[in-house]
Amino acid sequence: GYNYDSALDDNGNPVRNRPDGSFYKAPNTDTVMLGDIDIDGKITATDARLALRSAVGLEKLSEREIYIADVDRNGSVTSADARLILRASVGLEKLQK
C-alpha cells in the first residue's frame, strides 16, 4: 500500500510523502477536487487505481480520501467510482463536486 504520512518541510509547511519517496506540499483541503484521491491537483489513472484497490480491499483510505473517491455519491467506494475516475482522467467524464 501507499504511505501518505504527513510531514513538515524546512519552513514548517505540511508536505505529503508520495509512494516513490518524494514529497509535495499538501494542498488546502477546501480546494481538493472530487476524484483526485492522491491530491496532486489532477485526476489521473493513479487515482482510479487507488479507488479500485480500495473497492476490493487492498487499500485503506482515510475518511477524506473516501469522500474524494466516492464520486457517484452512493456512500462507498466501488469499482463504479474507479471507472468514473478513470474516464475523467482521460476527459470522457466530468465529475461533479
PDB file of N, CA and C in Angstrom:
ATOM      1  N   GLY A   1       0.815  -1.192   0.000  1.00  0.00           N
ATOM      2  CA  GLY A   1       0.000   0.000   0.000  1.00  0.00           C
ATOM      3  C   GLY A   1       0.856   1.252   0.000  1.00  0.00           C
ATOM      4  N   TYR A   2       0.193   2.355  -0.191  1.00  0.00           N
ATOM      5  CA  TYR A   2       0.868   3.641  -0.209  1.00  0.00           C
ATOM      6  C   TYR A   2       1.031   4.185   1.191  1.00  0.00           C
ATOM      7  N   ASN A   3       2.057   4.993   1.382  1.00  0.00           N
ATOM      8  CA  ASN A   3       2.306   5.634   2.659  1.00  0.00           C
ATOM      9  C   ASN A   3       2.169   7.135   2.466  1.00  0.00           C
ATOM     10  N   TYR A   4       1.098   7.700   3.000  1.00  0.00           N
ATOM     11  CA  TYR A   4       0.861   9.136   2.855  1.00  0.00           C
ATOM     12  C   TYR A   4       1.085   9.847   4.188  1.00  0.00           C
ATOM     13  N   ASP A   5       2.188   9.557   4.828  1.00  0.00           N
ATOM     14  CA  ASP A   5       2.487  10.184   6.108  1.00  0.00           C
ATOM     15  C   ASP A   5       2.673  11.680   5.947  1.00  0.00           C
ATOM     16  N   SER A   6       2.065  12.441   6.857  1.00  0.00           N
ATOM     17  CA  SER A   6       2.260  13.886   6.855  1.00  0.00           C
ATOM     18  C   SER A   6       3.632  14.205   7.419  1.00  0.00           C
ATOM     19  N   ALA A   7       4.196  15.282   6.978  1.00  0.00           N
ATOM     20  CA  ALA A   7       5.498  15.738   7.463  1.00  0.00           C
ATOM     21  C   ALA A   7       5.553  17.245   7.297  1.00  0.00           C
ATOM     22  N   LEU A   8       6.614  17.842   7.775  1.00  0.00           N
ATOM     23  CA  LEU A   8       6.823  19.282   7.612  1.00  0.00           C
ATOM     24  C   LEU A   8       8.130  19.497   6.871  1.00  0.00           C
ATOM     25  N   ASP A   9       8.131  20.484   5.969  1.00  0.00           N
ATOM     26  CA  ASP A   9       9.374  20.808   5.287  1.00  0.00           C
ATOM     27  C   ASP A   9      10.219  21.717   6.182  1.00  0.00           C
ATOM     28  N   ASP A  10      11.335  22.191   5.674  1.00  0.00           N
ATOM     29  CA  ASP A  10      12.253  23.023   6.464  1.00  0.00           C
ATOM     30  C   ASP A  10      11.614  24.321   6.945  1.00  0.00           C
ATOM     31  N   ASN A  11      10.586  24.780   6.252  1.00  0.00           N
ATOM     32  CA  ASN A  11       9.900  26.010   6.640  1.00  0.00           C
ATOM     33  C   ASN A  11       8.655  25.763   7.488  1.00  0.00           C
ATOM     34  N   GLY A  12       8.407  24.508   7.857  1.00  0.00           N
ATOM     35  CA  GLY A  12       7.246  24.183   8.679  1.00  0.00           C
ATOM     36  C   GLY A  12       5.952  24.014   7.899  1.00  0.00           C
ATOM     37  N   ASN A  13       6.042  23.963   6.563  1.00  0.00           N
ATOM     38  CA  ASN A  13       4.854  23.761   5.739  1.00  0.00           C
ATOM     39  C   ASN A  13       4.531  22.273   5.650  1.00  0.00           C
ATOM     40  N   PRO A  14       3.241  21.915   5.684  1.00  0.00           N
ATOM     41  CA  PRO A  14       2.894  20.494   5.589  1.00  0.00           C
ATOM     42  C   PRO A  14       3.220  19.934   4.212  1.00  0.00           C
ATOM     43  N   VAL A  15       3.741  18.731   4.192  1.00  0.00           N
ATOM     44  CA  VAL A  15       4.030  18.029   2.952  1.00  0.00           C
ATOM     45  C   VAL A  15       3.491  16.606   3.071  1.00  0.00           C
ATOM     46  N   ARG A  16       3.382  15.924   1.958  1.00  0.00           N
ATOM     47  CA  ARG A  16       2.928  14.539   1.927  1.00  0.00           C
ATOM     48  C   ARG A  16       3.992  13.691   1.251  1.00  0.00           C
ATOM     49  N   ASN A  17       4.093  12.460   1.690  1.00  0.00           N
ATOM     50  CA  ASN A  17       5.034  11.509   1.136  1.00  0.00           C
ATOM     51  C   ASN A  17       4.372  10.743   0.002  1.00  0.00           C
ATOM     52  N   ARG A  18       4.936  10.803  -1.191  1.00  0.00           N
ATOM     53  CA  ARG A  18       4.427  10.047  -2.330  1.00  0.00           C
ATOM     54  C   ARG A  18       4.978   8.626  -2.279  1.00  0.00           C
ATOM     55  N   PRO A  19       4.345   7.689  -2.983  1.00  0.00           N
ATOM     56  CA  PRO A  19       4.820   6.305  -2.995  1.00  0.00           C
ATOM     57  C   PRO A  19       6.272   6.152  -3.439  1.00  0.00           C
ATOM     58  N   ASP A  20       6.757   7.073  -4.291  1.00  0.00           N
ATOM     59  CA  ASP A  20       8.143   6.967  -4.754  1.00  0.00           C
ATOM     60  C   ASP A  20       9.144   7.584  -3.780  1.00  0.00           C
ATOM     61  N   GLY A  21       8.654   8.074  -2.630  1.00  0.00           N
ATOM     62  CA  GLY A  21       9.527   8.658  -1.621  1.00  0.00           C
ATOM     63  C   GLY A  21       9.693  10.155  -1.733  1.00  0.00           C
ATOM     64  N   SER A  22       9.223  10.761  -2.824  1.00  0.00           N
ATOM     65  CA  SER A  22       9.310  12.207  -2.962  1.00  0.00           C
ATOM     66  C   SER A  22       8.199  12.872  -2.163  1.00  0.00           C
ATOM     67  N   PHE A  23       8.358  14.155  -1.914  1.00  0.00           N
ATOM     68  CA  PHE A  23       7.375  14.898  -1.135  1.00  0.00           C
ATOM     69  C   PHE A  23       6.774  16.015  -1.959  1.00  0.00           C
ATOM     70  N   TYR A  24       5.547  16.372  -1.652  1.00  0.00           N
ATOM     71  CA  TYR A  24       4.917  17.548  -2.248  1.00  0.00           C
ATOM     72  C   TYR A  24       4.138  18.269  -1.171  1.00  0.00           C
ATOM     73  N   LYS A  25       3.955  19.547  -1.347  1.00  0.00           N
ATOM     74  CA  LYS A  25       3.229  20.346  -0.366  1.00  0.00           C
ATOM     75  C   LYS A  25       1.759  19.969  -0.372  1.00  0.00           C
ATOM     76  N   ALA A  26       1.214  19.701   0.795  1.00  0.00           N
ATOM     77  CA  ALA A  26      -0.187  19.322   0.907  1.00  0.00           C
ATOM     78  C   ALA A  26      -1.072  20.515   0.589  1.00  0.00           C
ATOM     79  N   PRO A  27      -2.065  20.341  -0.277  1.00  0.00           N
ATOM     80  CA  PRO A  27      -2.944  21.452  -0.628  1.00  0.00           C
ATOM     81  C   PRO A  27      -3.966  21.735   0.455  1.00  0.00           C
ATOM     82  N   ASN A  28      -4.602  22.862   0.367  1.00  0.00           N
ATOM     83  CA  ASN A  28      -5.712  23.199   1.252  1.00  0.00           C
ATOM     84  C   ASN A  28      -6.829  22.206   0.988  1.00  0.00           C
ATOM     85  N   THR A  29      -7.329  21.555   2.026  1.00  0.00           N
ATOM     86  CA  THR A  29      -8.350  20.527   1.840  1.00  0.00           C
ATOM     87  C   THR A  29      -9.657  21.095   1.306  1.00  0.00           C
ATOM     88  N   ASP A  30      -9.880  22.400   1.426  1.00  0.00           N
ATOM     89  CA  ASP A  30     -11.100  23.008   0.900  1.00  0.00           C
ATOM     90  C   ASP A  30     -11.088  23.071  -0.620  1.00  0.00           C
ATOM     91  N   THR A  31      -9.918  22.952  -1.228  1.00  0.00           N
ATOM     92  CA  THR A  31      -9.814  23.088  -2.674  1.00  0.00           C
ATOM     93  C   THR A  31      -9.569  21.760  -3.381  1.00  0.00           C
ATOM     94  N   VAL A  32      -9.666  20.651  -2.670  1.00  0.00           N
ATOM     95  CA  VAL A  32      -9.440  19.340  -3.270  1.00  0.00           C
ATOM     96  C   VAL A  32     -10.586  19.007  -4.218  1.00  0.00           C
ATOM     97  N   MET A  33     -10.250  18.483  -5.409  1.00  0.00           N
ATOM     98  CA  MET A  33     -11.290  18.162  -6.379  1.00  0.00           C
ATOM     99  C   MET A  33     -11.731  16.703  -6.252  1.00  0.00           C
ATOM    100  N   LEU A  34     -12.991  16.481  -6.507  1.00  0.00           N
ATOM    101  CA  LEU A  34     -13.575  15.153  -6.477  1.00  0.00           C
ATOM    102  C   LEU A  34     -12.838  14.250  -7.468  1.00  0.00           C
ATOM    103  N   GLY A  35     -12.429  13.068  -7.011  1.00  0.00           N
ATOM    104  CA  GLY A  35     -11.709  12.120  -7.856  1.00  0.00           C
ATOM    105  C   GLY A  35     -10.200  12.189  -7.730  1.00  0.00           C
ATOM    106  N   ASP A  36      -9.667  13.281  -7.177  1.00  0.00           N
ATOM    107  CA  ASP A  36      -8.220  13.458  -7.027  1.00  0.00           C
ATOM    108  C   ASP A  36      -7.779  12.874  -5.688  1.00  0.00           C
ATOM    109  N   ILE A  37      -7.795  11.566  -5.581  1.00  0.00           N
ATOM    110  CA  ILE A  37      -7.555  10.871  -4.315  1.00  0.00           C
ATOM    111  C   ILE A  37      -6.160  11.136  -3.772  1.00  0.00           C
ATOM    112  N   ASP A  38      -5.153  11.154  -4.632  1.00  0.00           N
ATOM    113  CA  ASP A  38      -3.781  11.380  -4.153  1.00  0.00           C
ATOM    114  C   ASP A  38      -3.448  12.856  -3.986  1.00  0.00           C
ATOM    115  N   ILE A  39      -4.420  13.698  -4.252  1.00  0.00           N
ATOM    116  CA  ILE A  39      -4.343  15.142  -4.013  1.00  0.00           C
ATOM    117  C   ILE A  39      -3.092  15.763  -4.637  1.00  0.00           C
ATOM    118  N   ASP A  40      -2.908  15.474  -5.927  1.00  0.00           N
ATOM    119  CA  ASP A  40      -1.781  16.080  -6.630  1.00  0.00           C
ATOM    120  C   ASP A  40      -2.233  17.174  -7.589  1.00  0.00           C
ATOM    121  N   GLY A  41      -3.521  17.535  -7.521  1.00  0.00           N
ATOM    122  CA  GLY A  41      -4.026  18.628  -8.334  1.00  0.00           C
ATOM    123  C   GLY A  41      -4.612  18.229  -9.674  1.00  0.00           C
ATOM    124  N   LYS A  42      -4.616  16.916  -9.960  1.00  0.00           N
ATOM    125  CA  LYS A  42      -5.202  16.452 -11.215  1.00  0.00           C
ATOM    126  C   LYS A  42      -5.774  15.047 -11.026  1.00  0.00           C
ATOM    127  N   ILE A  43      -6.739  14.714 -11.858  1.00  0.00           N
ATOM    128  CA  ILE A  43      -7.343  13.383 -11.820  1.00  0.00           C
ATOM    129  C   ILE A  43      -6.605  12.529 -12.836  1.00  0.00           C
ATOM    130  N   THR A  44      -6.032  11.418 -12.353  1.00  0.00           N
ATOM    131  CA  THR A  44      -5.220  10.559 -13.212  1.00  0.00           C
ATOM    132  C   THR A  44      -5.604   9.095 -13.018  1.00  0.00           C
ATOM    133  N   ALA A  45      -4.992   8.235 -13.816  1.00  0.00           N
ATOM    134  CA  ALA A  45      -5.202   6.799 -13.682  1.00  0.00           C
ATOM    135  C   ALA A  45      -4.750   6.308 -12.304  1.00  0.00           C
ATOM    136  N   THR A  46      -3.804   6.987 -11.702  1.00  0.00           N
ATOM    137  CA  THR A  46      -3.363   6.619 -10.350  1.00  0.00           C
ATOM    138  C   THR A  46      -4.513   6.762  -9.357  1.00  0.00           C
ATOM    139  N   ASP A  47      -5.315   7.813  -9.501  1.00  0.00           N
ATOM    140  CA  ASP A  47      -6.475   7.992  -8.635  1.00  0.00           C
ATOM    141  C   ASP A  47      -7.486   6.857  -8.840  1.00  0.00           C
ATOM    142  N   ALA A  48      -7.699   6.481 -10.094  1.00  0.00           N
ATOM    143  CA  ALA A  48      -8.610   5.374 -10.398  1.00  0.00           C
ATOM    144  C   ALA A  48      -8.092   4.078  -9.786  1.00  0.00           C
ATOM    145  N   ARG A  49      -6.786   3.891  -9.855  1.00  0.00           N
ATOM    146  CA  ARG A  49      -6.169   2.693  -9.268  1.00  0.00           C
ATOM    147  C   ARG A  49      -6.370   2.661  -7.752  1.00  0.00           C
ATOM    148  N   LEU A  50      -6.186   3.795  -7.102  1.00  0.00           N
ATOM    149  CA  LEU A  50      -6.410   3.858  -5.654  1.00  0.00           C
ATOM    150  C   LEU A  50      -7.865   3.521  -5.313  1.00  0.00           C
ATOM    151  N   ALA A  51      -8.803   4.050  -6.095  1.00  0.00           N
ATOM    152  CA  ALA A  51     -10.218   3.770  -5.857  1.00  0.00           C
ATOM    153  C   ALA A  51     -10.507   2.288  -6.040  1.00  0.00           C
ATOM    154  N   LEU A  52      -9.962   1.697  -7.090  1.00  0.00           N
ATOM    155  CA  LEU A  52     -10.195   0.275  -7.340  1.00  0.00           C
ATOM    156  C   LEU A  52      -9.574  -0.585  -6.248  1.00  0.00           C
ATOM    157  N   ARG A  53      -8.359  -0.252  -5.836  1.00  0.00           N
ATOM    158  CA  ARG A  53      -7.713  -1.009  -4.749  1.00  0.00           C
ATOM    159  C   ARG A  53      -8.521  -0.897  -3.457  1.00  0.00           C
ATOM    160  N   SER A  54      -9.097   0.268  -3.216  1.00  0.00           N
ATOM    161  CA  SER A  54      -9.945   0.436  -2.041  1.00  0.00           C
ATOM    162  C   SER A  54     -11.216  -0.405  -2.175  1.00  0.00           C
ATOM    163  N   ALA A  55     -11.811  -0.401  -3.355  1.00  0.00           N
ATOM    164  CA  ALA A  55     -13.050  -1.133  -3.589  1.00  0.00           C
ATOM    165  C   ALA A  55     -12.895  -2.633  -3.350  1.00  0.00           C
ATOM    166  N   VAL A  56     -11.718  -3.175  -3.651  1.00  0.00           N
ATOM    167  CA  VAL A  56     -11.504  -4.611  -3.477  1.00  0.00           C
ATOM    168  C   VAL A  56     -10.775  -4.945  -2.175  1.00  0.00           C
ATOM    169  N   GLY A  57     -10.573  -3.938  -1.320  1.00  0.00           N
ATOM    170  CA  GLY A  57     -10.000  -4.182   0.000  1.00  0.00           C
ATOM    171  C   GLY A  57      -8.491  -4.223   0.062  1.00  0.00           C
ATOM    172  N   LEU A  58      -7.803  -3.777  -0.966  1.00  0.00           N
ATOM    173  CA  LEU A  58      -6.341  -3.785  -0.965  1.00  0.00           C
ATOM    174  C   LEU A  58      -5.732  -2.479  -0.481  1.00  0.00           C
ATOM    175  N   GLU A  59      -6.554  -1.451  -0.338  1.00  0.00           N
ATOM    176  CA  GLU A  59      -6.084  -0.112   0.057  1.00  0.00           C
ATOM    177  C   GLU A  59      -7.035   0.437   1.109  1.00  0.00           C
ATOM    178  N   LYS A  60      -6.486   0.966   2.199  1.00  0.00           N
ATOM    179  CA  LYS A  60      -7.312   1.608   3.227  1.00  0.00           C
ATOM    180  C   LYS A  60      -7.212   3.109   3.020  1.00  0.00           C
ATOM    181  N   LEU A  61      -8.345   3.741   2.740  1.00  0.00           N
ATOM    182  CA  LEU A  61      -8.382   5.185   2.528  1.00  0.00           C
ATOM    183  C   LEU A  61      -8.835   5.891   3.800  1.00  0.00           C
ATOM    184  N   SER A  62      -8.366   7.116   3.981  1.00  0.00           N
ATOM    185  CA  SER A  62      -8.822   7.941   5.105  1.00  0.00           C
ATOM    186  C   SER A  62     -10.250   8.402   4.812  1.00  0.00           C
ATOM    187  N   GLU A  63     -10.906   8.961   5.805  1.00  0.00           N
ATOM    188  CA  GLU A  63     -12.272   9.475   5.617  1.00  0.00           C
ATOM    189  C   GLU A  63     -12.299  10.519   4.504  1.00  0.00           C
ATOM    190  N   ARG A  64     -11.316  11.404   4.481  1.00  0.00           N
ATOM    191  CA  ARG A  64     -11.241  12.443   3.461  1.00  0.00           C
ATOM    192  C   ARG A  64     -11.044  11.836   2.083  1.00  0.00           C
ATOM    193  N   GLU A  65     -10.170  10.830   1.988  1.00  0.00           N
ATOM    194  CA  GLU A  65      -9.928  10.165   0.715  1.00  0.00           C
ATOM    195  C   GLU A  65     -11.175   9.421   0.233  1.00  0.00           C
ATOM    196  N   ILE A  66     -11.921   8.827   1.163  1.00  0.00           N
ATOM    197  CA  ILE A  66     -13.169   8.149   0.801  1.00  0.00           C
ATOM    198  C   ILE A  66     -14.157   9.156   0.233  1.00  0.00           C
ATOM    199  N   TYR A  67     -14.252  10.310   0.871  1.00  0.00           N
ATOM    200  CA  TYR A  67     -15.142  11.363   0.375  1.00  0.00           C
ATOM    201  C   TYR A  67     -14.760  11.757  -1.049  1.00  0.00           C
ATOM    202  N   ILE A  68     -13.476  11.899  -1.306  1.00  0.00           N
ATOM    203  CA  ILE A  68     -12.984  12.294  -2.622  1.00  0.00           C
ATOM    204  C   ILE A  68     -13.186  11.176  -3.645  1.00  0.00           C
ATOM    205  N   ALA A  69     -13.023   9.925  -3.215  1.00  0.00           N
ATOM    206  CA  ALA A  69     -13.113   8.780  -4.123  1.00  0.00           C
ATOM    207  C   ALA A  69     -14.546   8.375  -4.451  1.00  0.00           C
ATOM    208  N   ASP A  70     -15.487   8.662  -3.574  1.00  0.00           N
ATOM    209  CA  ASP A  70     -16.889   8.271  -3.784  1.00  0.00           C
ATOM    210  C   ASP A  70     -17.555   9.255  -4.742  1.00  0.00           C
ATOM    211  N   VAL A  71     -17.174   9.184  -6.010  1.00  0.00           N
ATOM    212  CA  VAL A  71     -17.614  10.181  -6.982  1.00  0.00           C
ATOM    213  C   VAL A  71     -19.074  10.022  -7.392  1.00  0.00           C
ATOM    214  N   ASP A  72     -19.637   8.822  -7.226  1.00  0.00           N
ATOM    215  CA  ASP A  72     -21.051   8.655  -7.564  1.00  0.00           C
ATOM    216  C   ASP A  72     -21.959   8.912  -6.361  1.00  0.00           C
ATOM    217  N   ARG A  73     -21.342   9.234  -5.236  1.00  0.00           N
ATOM    218  CA  ARG A  73     -22.050   9.636  -4.022  1.00  0.00           C
ATOM    219  C   ARG A  73     -23.076   8.607  -3.528  1.00  0.00           C
ATOM    220  N   ASN A  74     -22.692   7.318  -3.596  1.00  0.00           N
ATOM    221  CA  ASN A  74     -23.582   6.282  -3.081  1.00  0.00           C
ATOM    222  C   ASN A  74     -23.210   5.839  -1.672  1.00  0.00           C
ATOM    223  N   GLY A  75     -22.202   6.469  -1.077  1.00  0.00           N
ATOM    224  CA  GLY A  75     -21.829   6.179   0.298  1.00  0.00           C
ATOM    225  C   GLY A  75     -20.669   5.222   0.466  1.00  0.00           C
ATOM    226  N   SER A  76     -20.147   4.664  -0.627  1.00  0.00           N
ATOM    227  CA  SER A  76     -18.991   3.780  -0.533  1.00  0.00           C
ATOM    228  C   SER A  76     -18.172   3.875  -1.815  1.00  0.00           C
ATOM    229  N   VAL A  77     -16.922   3.444  -1.713  1.00  0.00           N
ATOM    230  CA  VAL A  77     -16.036   3.448  -2.870  1.00  0.00           C
ATOM    231  C   VAL A  77     -16.140   2.079  -3.536  1.00  0.00           C
ATOM    232  N   THR A  78     -16.558   2.073  -4.797  1.00  0.00           N
ATOM    233  CA  THR A  78     -16.756   0.832  -5.537  1.00  0.00           C
ATOM    234  C   THR A  78     -16.006   0.881  -6.863  1.00  0.00           C
ATOM    235  N   SER A  79     -16.063  -0.221  -7.587  1.00  0.00           N
ATOM    236  CA  SER A  79     -15.428  -0.249  -8.910  1.00  0.00           C
ATOM    237  C   SER A  79     -16.083   0.760  -9.849  1.00  0.00           C
ATOM    238  N   ALA A  80     -17.343   1.089  -9.622  1.00  0.00           N
ATOM    239  CA  ALA A  80     -18.013   2.111 -10.434  1.00  0.00           C
ATOM    240  C   ALA A  80     -17.336   3.466 -10.253  1.00  0.00           C
ATOM    241  N   ASP A  81     -16.930   3.790  -9.015  1.00  0.00           N
ATOM    242  CA  ASP A  81     -16.199   5.036  -8.771  1.00  0.00           C
ATOM    243  C   ASP A  81     -14.866   5.019  -9.507  1.00  0.00           C
ATOM    244  N   ALA A  82     -14.160   3.888  -9.438  1.00  0.00           N
ATOM    245  CA  ALA A  82     -12.870   3.770 -10.120  1.00  0.00           C
ATOM    246  C   ALA A  82     -13.041   3.983 -11.619  1.00  0.00           C
ATOM    247  N   ARG A  83     -14.099   3.414 -12.187  1.00  0.00           N
ATOM    248  CA  ARG A  83     -14.368   3.578 -13.619  1.00  0.00           C
ATOM    249  C   ARG A  83     -14.632   5.041 -13.962  1.00  0.00           C
ATOM    250  N   LEU A  84     -15.457   5.711 -13.162  1.00  0.00           N
ATOM    251  CA  LEU A  84     -15.751   7.123 -13.410  1.00  0.00           C
ATOM    252  C   LEU A  84     -14.490   7.984 -13.307  1.00  0.00           C
ATOM    253  N   ILE A  85     -13.657   7.682 -12.321  1.00  0.00           N
ATOM    254  CA  ILE A  85     -12.410   8.438 -12.142  1.00  0.00           C
ATOM    255  C   ILE A  85     -11.482   8.198 -13.332  1.00  0.00           C
ATOM    256  N   LEU A  86     -11.382   6.954 -13.792  1.00  0.00           N
ATOM    257  CA  LEU A  86     -10.540   6.663 -14.947  1.00  0.00           C
ATOM    258  C   LEU A  86     -11.055   7.386 -16.188  1.00  0.00           C
ATOM    259  N   ARG A  87     -12.363   7.390 -16.400  1.00  0.00           N
ATOM    260  CA  ARG A  87     -12.946   8.102 -17.531  1.00  0.00           C
ATOM    261  C   ARG A  87     -12.670   9.606 -17.426  1.00  0.00           C
ATOM    262  N   ALA A  88     -12.749  10.138 -16.212  1.00  0.00           N
ATOM    263  CA  ALA A  88     -12.460  11.558 -16.006  1.00  0.00           C
ATOM    264  C   ALA A  88     -10.987  11.863 -16.291  1.00  0.00           C
ATOM    265  N   SER A  89     -10.115  10.920 -15.983  1.00  0.00           N
ATOM    266  CA  SER A  89      -8.682  11.149 -16.185  1.00  0.00           C
ATOM    267  C   SER A  89      -8.316  11.300 -17.659  1.00  0.00           C
ATOM    268  N   VAL A  90      -9.140  10.752 -18.543  1.00  0.00           N
ATOM    269  CA  VAL A  90      -8.867  10.863 -19.987  1.00  0.00           C
ATOM    270  C   VAL A  90      -9.858  11.779 -20.680  1.00  0.00           C
ATOM    271  N   GLY A  91     -10.649  12.504 -19.885  1.00  0.00           N
ATOM    272  CA  GLY A  91     -11.556  13.504 -20.444  1.00  0.00           C
ATOM    273  C   GLY A  91     -12.890  12.987 -20.946  1.00  0.00           C
ATOM    274  N   LEU A  92     -13.245  11.756 -20.629  1.00  0.00           N
ATOM    275  CA  LEU A  92     -14.519  11.196 -21.069  1.00  0.00           C
ATOM    276  C   LEU A  92     -15.647  11.424 -20.075  1.00  0.00           C
ATOM    277  N   GLU A  93     -15.335  11.929 -18.916  1.00  0.00           N
ATOM    278  CA  GLU A  93     -16.322  12.121 -17.849  1.00  0.00           C
ATOM    279  C   GLU A  93     -16.008  13.423 -17.143  1.00  0.00           C
ATOM    280  N   LYS A  94     -17.028  14.117 -16.717  1.00  0.00           N
ATOM    281  CA  LYS A  94     -16.868  15.329 -15.898  1.00  0.00           C
ATOM    282  C   LYS A  94     -17.432  14.998 -14.524  1.00  0.00           C
ATOM    283  N   LEU A  95     -16.598  15.095 -13.497  1.00  0.00           N
ATOM    284  CA  LEU A  95     -17.031  14.790 -12.133  1.00  0.00           C
ATOM    285  C   LEU A  95     -17.590  16.031 -11.477  1.00  0.00           C
ATOM    286  N   GLN A  96     -18.722  15.890 -10.844  1.00  0.00           N
ATOM    287  CA  GLN A  96     -19.372  16.998 -10.140  1.00  0.00           C
ATOM    288  C   GLN A  96     -18.885  17.040  -8.709  1.00  0.00           C
ATOM    289  N   LYS A  97     -18.850  18.222  -8.128  1.00  0.00           N
ATOM    290  CA  LYS A  97     -18.420  18.386  -6.731  1.00  0.00           C
ATOM    291  C   LYS A  97     -19.572  18.121  -5.813  1.00  0.00           C
TER     292      LYS A  97
END
